[in-house]
Amino acid sequence: MTRIAQCCCGSLRAAVTGEPEFVAACHCMECQRRTGAPFGVSCYFPKSQVRTNGSSKIYLRGSDSGRKIELHFCPDCGSTVYWYAEFVPDLIGIAVGAFTDPCMPSPTVSVWETTRHPWVTFDHHLDHFERQFELAEGPGTARR
């Protein structure tokens, strides 16, 4: 199965195959600014399962954990579609909302809960982290 994530105008895309390694609800202030919402939801796929196309502008920034994130956004409409994060070098992060697919998997982790809005809750089981989690032995294995 192939899923397509794209920007608002459709010129920047990411086609993915398979299922994500994990899906994160991130409450860090940078994700709040990036999305204009109280948290961002991202899915992370192995780079080998993702094909991107279209022109993008890059915004390289630090993160609350001190690591770099390379955000790719559409130069025309400004939508952020995907990114490369130093904390998961073999994966590519993609904004769940860019898929506009209600069947995308729900978050498996909730990170940076130190800046979570207190009224944000989830009605399913997921792992909670005050800050960023670390990948232990392999993708999808988180430790506090």
Protein backbone atom coordinates (compact mmCIF):
# COMPACT_ATOMS: atom_id res chain seq x y z
CA MET A 1 0.00 0.00 0.00
CA THR A 2 1.29 3.46 -0.92
CA ARG A 3 0.24 6.59 0.94
CA ILE A 4 0.88 10.12 -0.33
CA ALA A 5 1.57 13.10 1.90
CA GLN A 6 1.55 16.50 0.23
CA CYS A 7 1.58 20.21 0.87
CA CYS A 8 -1.52 22.40 0.49
CA CYS A 9 -0.85 23.19 -3.18
CA GLY A 10 0.26 19.63 -4.03
CA SER A 11 3.71 20.44 -5.42
CA LEU A 12 5.76 18.88 -2.58
CA ARG A 13 5.03 15.21 -1.88
CA ALA A 14 6.23 12.20 0.01
CA ALA A 15 5.07 8.72 -1.07
CA VAL A 16 5.47 6.01 1.56
CA THR A 17 5.08 2.26 1.56
CA GLY A 18 4.45 0.09 4.58
CA GLU A 19 3.66 1.19 8.09
CA PRO A 20 5.53 3.77 10.17
CA GLU A 21 8.09 2.68 12.77
CA PHE A 22 6.29 4.92 15.26
CA VAL A 23 3.85 7.82 15.43
CA ALA A 24 4.55 10.66 17.85
CA ALA A 25 2.41 13.39 19.35
CA CYS A 26 4.97 16.09 20.13
CA HIS A 27 4.12 18.90 22.52
CA CYS A 28 7.43 20.80 22.21
CA MET A 29 7.14 24.51 21.59
CA GLU A 30 8.75 24.19 18.15
CA CYS A 31 6.06 21.74 16.99
CA GLN A 32 3.42 24.03 18.45
CA ARG A 33 4.83 26.89 16.37
CA ARG A 34 5.28 24.73 13.24
CA THR A 35 1.69 23.51 13.28
CA GLY A 36 -0.11 26.44 14.88
CA ALA A 37 -1.73 23.82 17.12
CA PRO A 38 -1.13 22.62 20.70
CA PHE A 39 0.94 19.68 19.41
CA GLY A 40 2.23 18.13 16.19
CA VAL A 41 1.66 14.54 15.08
CA SER A 42 4.44 12.90 13.10
CA CYS A 43 4.99 9.47 11.66
CA TYR A 44 8.49 8.11 11.10
CA PHE A 45 9.35 5.75 8.25
CA PRO A 46 12.64 4.13 7.23
CA LYS A 47 14.19 6.28 4.51
CA SER A 48 14.08 3.29 2.14
CA GLN A 49 10.25 3.35 2.30
CA VAL A 50 9.91 7.02 1.32
CA ARG A 51 10.15 8.74 -2.06
CA THR A 52 9.97 12.54 -2.09
CA ASN A 53 9.44 14.80 -5.07
CA GLY A 54 8.93 18.47 -5.74
CA SER A 55 10.95 21.51 -4.81
CA SER A 56 11.35 22.29 -1.14
CA LYS A 57 12.90 24.98 0.96
CA ILE A 58 14.82 23.83 4.00
CA TYR A 59 14.71 25.28 7.47
CA LEU A 60 17.45 23.85 9.70
CA ARG A 61 16.80 24.36 13.38
CA GLY A 62 17.82 23.06 16.75
CA SER A 63 15.36 21.18 18.91
CA ASP A 64 14.48 21.28 22.58
CA SER A 65 16.78 18.25 23.01
CA GLY A 66 19.69 20.14 21.39
CA ARG A 67 19.70 18.08 18.18
CA LYS A 68 19.22 19.38 14.64
CA ILE A 69 16.09 18.97 12.53
CA GLU A 70 16.00 19.70 8.78
CA LEU A 71 12.44 20.70 7.87
CA HIS A 72 11.35 20.55 4.21
CA PHE A 73 8.49 22.85 3.28
CA CYS A 74 6.86 23.98 0.06
CA PRO A 75 8.32 27.24 -1.29
CA ASP A 76 4.91 28.17 -2.73
CA CYS A 77 2.34 27.42 -0.01
CA GLY A 78 4.66 27.08 3.01
CA SER A 79 3.37 23.70 4.26
CA THR A 80 5.91 21.56 6.10
CA VAL A 81 5.64 18.02 4.72
CA TYR A 82 8.70 16.06 5.94
CA TRP A 83 11.93 16.34 7.91
CA TYR A 84 15.14 14.63 8.91
CA ALA A 85 15.81 14.56 12.66
CA GLU A 86 19.24 13.88 14.14
CA PHE A 87 17.77 11.69 16.90
CA VAL A 88 16.53 9.14 14.31
CA PRO A 89 19.13 9.27 11.50
CA ASP A 90 17.74 6.29 9.54
CA LEU A 91 14.16 7.58 9.50
CA ILE A 92 12.25 10.40 7.86
CA GLY A 93 9.49 12.22 9.73
CA ILE A 94 6.30 13.15 7.93
CA ALA A 95 3.44 15.32 9.20
CA VAL A 96 0.45 13.02 9.72
CA GLY A 97 -1.91 15.80 8.61
CA ALA A 98 -0.17 15.99 5.22
CA PHE A 99 -1.64 12.56 4.42
CA THR A 100 -5.23 13.75 4.98
CA ASP A 101 -6.00 10.10 5.71
CA PRO A 102 -8.22 9.32 8.72
CA CYS A 103 -6.89 5.74 8.67
CA MET A 104 -3.34 6.74 9.63
CA PRO A 105 -2.23 4.99 12.82
CA SER A 106 -2.76 6.86 16.07
CA PRO A 107 0.21 8.11 18.11
CA THR A 108 2.23 5.47 19.94
CA VAL A 109 4.24 7.99 21.96
CA SER A 110 3.55 11.40 23.47
CA VAL A 111 6.74 13.44 23.92
CA TRP A 112 7.71 16.75 25.50
CA GLU A 113 4.82 16.51 27.90
CA THR A 114 6.55 19.15 30.05
CA THR A 115 5.01 21.70 27.64
CA ARG A 116 1.78 19.79 26.94
CA HIS A 117 -1.39 21.82 27.29
CA PRO A 118 -3.12 20.34 30.35
CA TRP A 119 -6.43 19.84 28.52
CA VAL A 120 -4.82 17.61 25.82
CA THR A 121 -5.62 13.96 26.55
CA PHE A 122 -5.68 10.73 24.53
CA ASP A 123 -8.29 7.97 24.73
CA HIS A 124 -5.93 5.14 23.81
CA HIS A 125 -2.76 3.66 25.31
CA LEU A 126 0.52 5.32 24.37
CA ASP A 127 3.88 5.82 26.05
CA HIS A 128 4.33 9.18 27.78
CA PHE A 129 7.67 11.02 28.01
CA GLU A 130 8.40 14.28 29.79
CA ARG A 131 11.02 15.07 27.15
CA GLN A 132 12.35 13.31 24.03
CA PHE A 133 12.72 9.53 24.15
CA GLU A 134 15.83 7.72 22.98
CA LEU A 135 15.80 4.83 20.54
CA ALA A 136 17.29 1.85 22.34
CA GLU A 137 18.21 -1.30 20.45
CA GLY A 138 16.39 -0.46 17.22
CA PRO A 139 13.63 1.62 15.62
CA GLY A 140 10.36 1.56 17.52
CA THR A 141 11.99 0.63 20.83
CA ALA A 142 11.84 3.61 23.14
CA ARG A 143 13.32 4.08 26.57
CA ARG A 144 12.64 6.89 29.04
